[in-house]
Amino acid sequence: MMTNDHHTVLYTGVTSDLEQRVFDHKTKAHPGFTAKFNCNKLVYLEEFNEIEDAIKREKQLKRYRRAWKENLIKKINPAWKDLSEGWYDPKSILFGIEINKVNSEK
């Protein structure tokens, strides 16, 4: 799950390449919910061997109310730290944001 700096929104998604997907969200590579609401912090994740299981879990999580999701996050990440901290060079994030901003203006 991704959130913004103020934890006002939660985004739940599924991917086969978590590092790339988080990078895409942080750099606003694709217009949409996470770009609009600045979802740039990975606060919760689960890993699965089979994509079908991951999709099933994603759909399950999306049905739950926000309070339930918050409790789930707090169990493994009580401080709501960015679990992807240290994955990327901060300059690459800034560069990605600038590139994507230019591309979206075309």
C-alpha atoms as a PDB file:
ATOM      1  CA  MET A   1       0.000   0.000   0.000  1.00  0.00           C
ATOM      2  CA  MET A   2       1.148   3.472  -0.848  1.00  0.00           C
ATOM      3  CA  THR A   3       0.209   6.716   0.870  1.00  0.00           C
ATOM      4  CA  ASN A   4       1.130  10.384   0.765  1.00  0.00           C
ATOM      5  CA  ASP A   5       3.151  12.382   3.293  1.00  0.00           C
ATOM      6  CA  HIS A   6       0.037  13.224   5.331  1.00  0.00           C
ATOM      7  CA  HIS A   7      -1.435   9.678   5.180  1.00  0.00           C
ATOM      8  CA  THR A   8      -4.721  11.045   3.873  1.00  0.00           C
ATOM      9  CA  VAL A   9      -5.095   8.464   1.092  1.00  0.00           C
ATOM     10  CA  LEU A  10      -4.237   4.795   0.661  1.00  0.00           C
ATOM     11  CA  TYR A  11      -3.532   3.094  -2.645  1.00  0.00           C
ATOM     12  CA  THR A  12      -3.595  -0.678  -2.977  1.00  0.00           C
ATOM     13  CA  GLY A  13      -2.114  -2.338  -6.040  1.00  0.00           C
ATOM     14  CA  VAL A  14      -0.419  -5.462  -7.313  1.00  0.00           C
ATOM     15  CA  THR A  15       2.788  -5.841  -9.318  1.00  0.00           C
ATOM     16  CA  SER A  16       5.417  -8.372 -10.320  1.00  0.00           C
ATOM     17  CA  ASP A  17       8.169  -5.729  -9.988  1.00  0.00           C
ATOM     18  CA  LEU A  18       7.758  -3.833  -6.725  1.00  0.00           C
ATOM     19  CA  GLU A  19      10.882  -1.675  -7.004  1.00  0.00           C
ATOM     20  CA  GLN A  20       9.908  -0.442 -10.477  1.00  0.00           C
ATOM     21  CA  ARG A  21       6.274   0.113  -9.505  1.00  0.00           C
ATOM     22  CA  VAL A  22       7.210   2.149  -6.431  1.00  0.00           C
ATOM     23  CA  PHE A  23       9.675   4.176  -8.517  1.00  0.00           C
ATOM     24  CA  ASP A  24       6.908   4.850 -11.038  1.00  0.00           C
ATOM     25  CA  HIS A  25       4.614   6.089  -8.251  1.00  0.00           C
ATOM     26  CA  LYS A  26       7.314   8.249  -6.673  1.00  0.00           C
ATOM     27  CA  THR A  27       8.164   9.863 -10.004  1.00  0.00           C
ATOM     28  CA  LYS A  28       4.552  10.178 -11.179  1.00  0.00           C
ATOM     29  CA  ALA A  29       5.350   8.164 -14.294  1.00  0.00           C
ATOM     30  CA  HIS A  30       1.669   7.547 -15.007  1.00  0.00           C
ATOM     31  CA  PRO A  31      -1.187  10.018 -14.576  1.00  0.00           C
ATOM     32  CA  GLY A  32      -3.817   8.732 -12.210  1.00  0.00           C
ATOM     33  CA  PHE A  33      -4.681   8.302  -8.558  1.00  0.00           C
ATOM     34  CA  THR A  34      -1.177   7.987  -7.119  1.00  0.00           C
ATOM     35  CA  ALA A  35       0.139  10.942  -9.109  1.00  0.00           C
ATOM     36  CA  LYS A  36      -2.889  13.111  -8.312  1.00  0.00           C
ATOM     37  CA  PHE A  37      -2.713  12.403  -4.570  1.00  0.00           C
ATOM     38  CA  ASN A  38       1.108  12.259  -4.310  1.00  0.00           C
ATOM     39  CA  CYS A  39       1.269   8.660  -3.104  1.00  0.00           C
ATOM     40  CA  ASN A  40       5.019   8.401  -2.638  1.00  0.00           C
ATOM     41  CA  LYS A  41       5.434   6.244   0.481  1.00  0.00           C
ATOM     42  CA  LEU A  42       5.323   2.451   0.539  1.00  0.00           C
ATOM     43  CA  VAL A  43       3.873   1.656   3.969  1.00  0.00           C
ATOM     44  CA  TYR A  44       2.709  -1.955   3.605  1.00  0.00           C
ATOM     45  CA  LEU A  45       3.448  -4.912   1.381  1.00  0.00           C
ATOM     46  CA  GLU A  46       2.797  -8.616   1.087  1.00  0.00           C
ATOM     47  CA  GLU A  47       4.669 -11.039  -1.153  1.00  0.00           C
ATOM     48  CA  PHE A  48       3.169 -13.966  -3.051  1.00  0.00           C
ATOM     49  CA  ASN A  49       4.608 -16.725  -5.208  1.00  0.00           C
ATOM     50  CA  GLU A  50       1.606 -16.792  -7.529  1.00  0.00           C
ATOM     51  CA  ILE A  51       0.145 -13.683  -9.204  1.00  0.00           C
ATOM     52  CA  GLU A  52      -3.365 -15.111  -8.890  1.00  0.00           C
ATOM     53  CA  ASP A  53      -2.970 -15.158  -5.088  1.00  0.00           C
ATOM     54  CA  ALA A  54      -1.704 -11.566  -5.123  1.00  0.00           C
ATOM     55  CA  ILE A  55      -4.661 -10.380  -7.203  1.00  0.00           C
ATOM     56  CA  LYS A  56      -7.096 -12.187  -4.918  1.00  0.00           C
ATOM     57  CA  ARG A  57      -5.530 -10.518  -1.860  1.00  0.00           C
ATOM     58  CA  GLU A  58      -5.544  -7.096  -3.561  1.00  0.00           C
ATOM     59  CA  LYS A  59      -9.272  -7.395  -4.228  1.00  0.00           C
ATOM     60  CA  GLN A  60      -9.828  -8.482  -0.628  1.00  0.00           C
ATOM     61  CA  LEU A  61      -7.866  -5.523   0.770  1.00  0.00           C
ATOM     62  CA  LYS A  62      -9.723  -3.062  -1.440  1.00  0.00           C
ATOM     63  CA  ARG A  63     -13.024  -4.191   0.092  1.00  0.00           C
ATOM     64  CA  TYR A  64     -11.889  -3.379   3.648  1.00  0.00           C
ATOM     65  CA  ARG A  65     -12.605  -0.047   5.284  1.00  0.00           C
ATOM     66  CA  ARG A  66      -9.807   2.423   5.855  1.00  0.00           C
ATOM     67  CA  ALA A  67      -9.668   1.812   9.625  1.00  0.00           C
ATOM     68  CA  TRP A  68      -9.029  -1.892   9.055  1.00  0.00           C
ATOM     69  CA  LYS A  69      -6.224  -1.066   6.590  1.00  0.00           C
ATOM     70  CA  GLU A  70      -4.694   1.398   9.045  1.00  0.00           C
ATOM     71  CA  ASN A  71      -4.601  -1.300  11.731  1.00  0.00           C
ATOM     72  CA  LEU A  72      -2.968  -3.700   9.277  1.00  0.00           C
ATOM     73  CA  ILE A  73      -0.293  -1.127   8.456  1.00  0.00           C
ATOM     74  CA  LYS A  74       0.312  -0.288  12.128  1.00  0.00           C
ATOM     75  CA  LYS A  75       0.951  -3.962  12.951  1.00  0.00           C
ATOM     76  CA  ILE A  76       4.047  -4.121  10.752  1.00  0.00           C
ATOM     77  CA  ASN A  77       4.868  -0.427  10.365  1.00  0.00           C
ATOM     78  CA  PRO A  78       3.628   1.531  13.395  1.00  0.00           C
ATOM     79  CA  ALA A  79       5.483   4.709  12.403  1.00  0.00           C
ATOM     80  CA  TRP A  80       4.236   4.536   8.794  1.00  0.00           C
ATOM     81  CA  LYS A  81       7.828   4.757   7.570  1.00  0.00           C
ATOM     82  CA  ASP A  82       8.531   4.533   3.861  1.00  0.00           C
ATOM     83  CA  LEU A  83       9.524   0.878   3.439  1.00  0.00           C
ATOM     84  CA  SER A  84      11.269   1.752   0.177  1.00  0.00           C
ATOM     85  CA  GLU A  85      13.589   4.239   1.879  1.00  0.00           C
ATOM     86  CA  GLY A  86      17.110   3.673   0.595  1.00  0.00           C
ATOM     87  CA  TRP A  87      16.042   1.818  -2.546  1.00  0.00           C
ATOM     88  CA  TYR A  88      16.778   4.729  -4.861  1.00  0.00           C
ATOM     89  CA  ASP A  89      19.228   7.563  -5.232  1.00  0.00           C
ATOM     90  CA  PRO A  90      17.227  10.713  -4.351  1.00  0.00           C
ATOM     91  CA  LYS A  91      18.627  12.393  -7.476  1.00  0.00           C
ATOM     92  CA  SER A  92      17.096   9.675  -9.656  1.00  0.00           C
ATOM     93  CA  ILE A  93      13.682  10.353  -8.094  1.00  0.00           C
ATOM     94  CA  LEU A  94      13.979  14.092  -8.756  1.00  0.00           C
ATOM     95  CA  PHE A  95      15.205  13.442 -12.280  1.00  0.00           C
ATOM     96  CA  GLY A  96      12.315  11.038 -12.903  1.00  0.00           C
ATOM     97  CA  ILE A  97       9.800  13.603 -11.674  1.00  0.00           C
ATOM     98  CA  GLU A  98      11.225  16.260 -14.000  1.00  0.00           C
ATOM     99  CA  ILE A  99      11.291  13.901 -17.011  1.00  0.00           C
ATOM    100  CA  ASN A 100       7.719  12.787 -16.382  1.00  0.00           C
ATOM    101  CA  LYS A 101       6.574  16.401 -15.923  1.00  0.00           C
ATOM    102  CA  VAL A 102       8.071  17.320 -19.309  1.00  0.00           C
ATOM    103  CA  ASN A 103       6.537  14.241 -20.970  1.00  0.00           C
ATOM    104  CA  SER A 104       3.085  14.994 -19.542  1.00  0.00           C
ATOM    105  CA  GLU A 105       3.184  18.524 -20.954  1.00  0.00           C
ATOM    106  CA  LYS A 106       3.686  17.256 -24.528  1.00  0.00           C
END
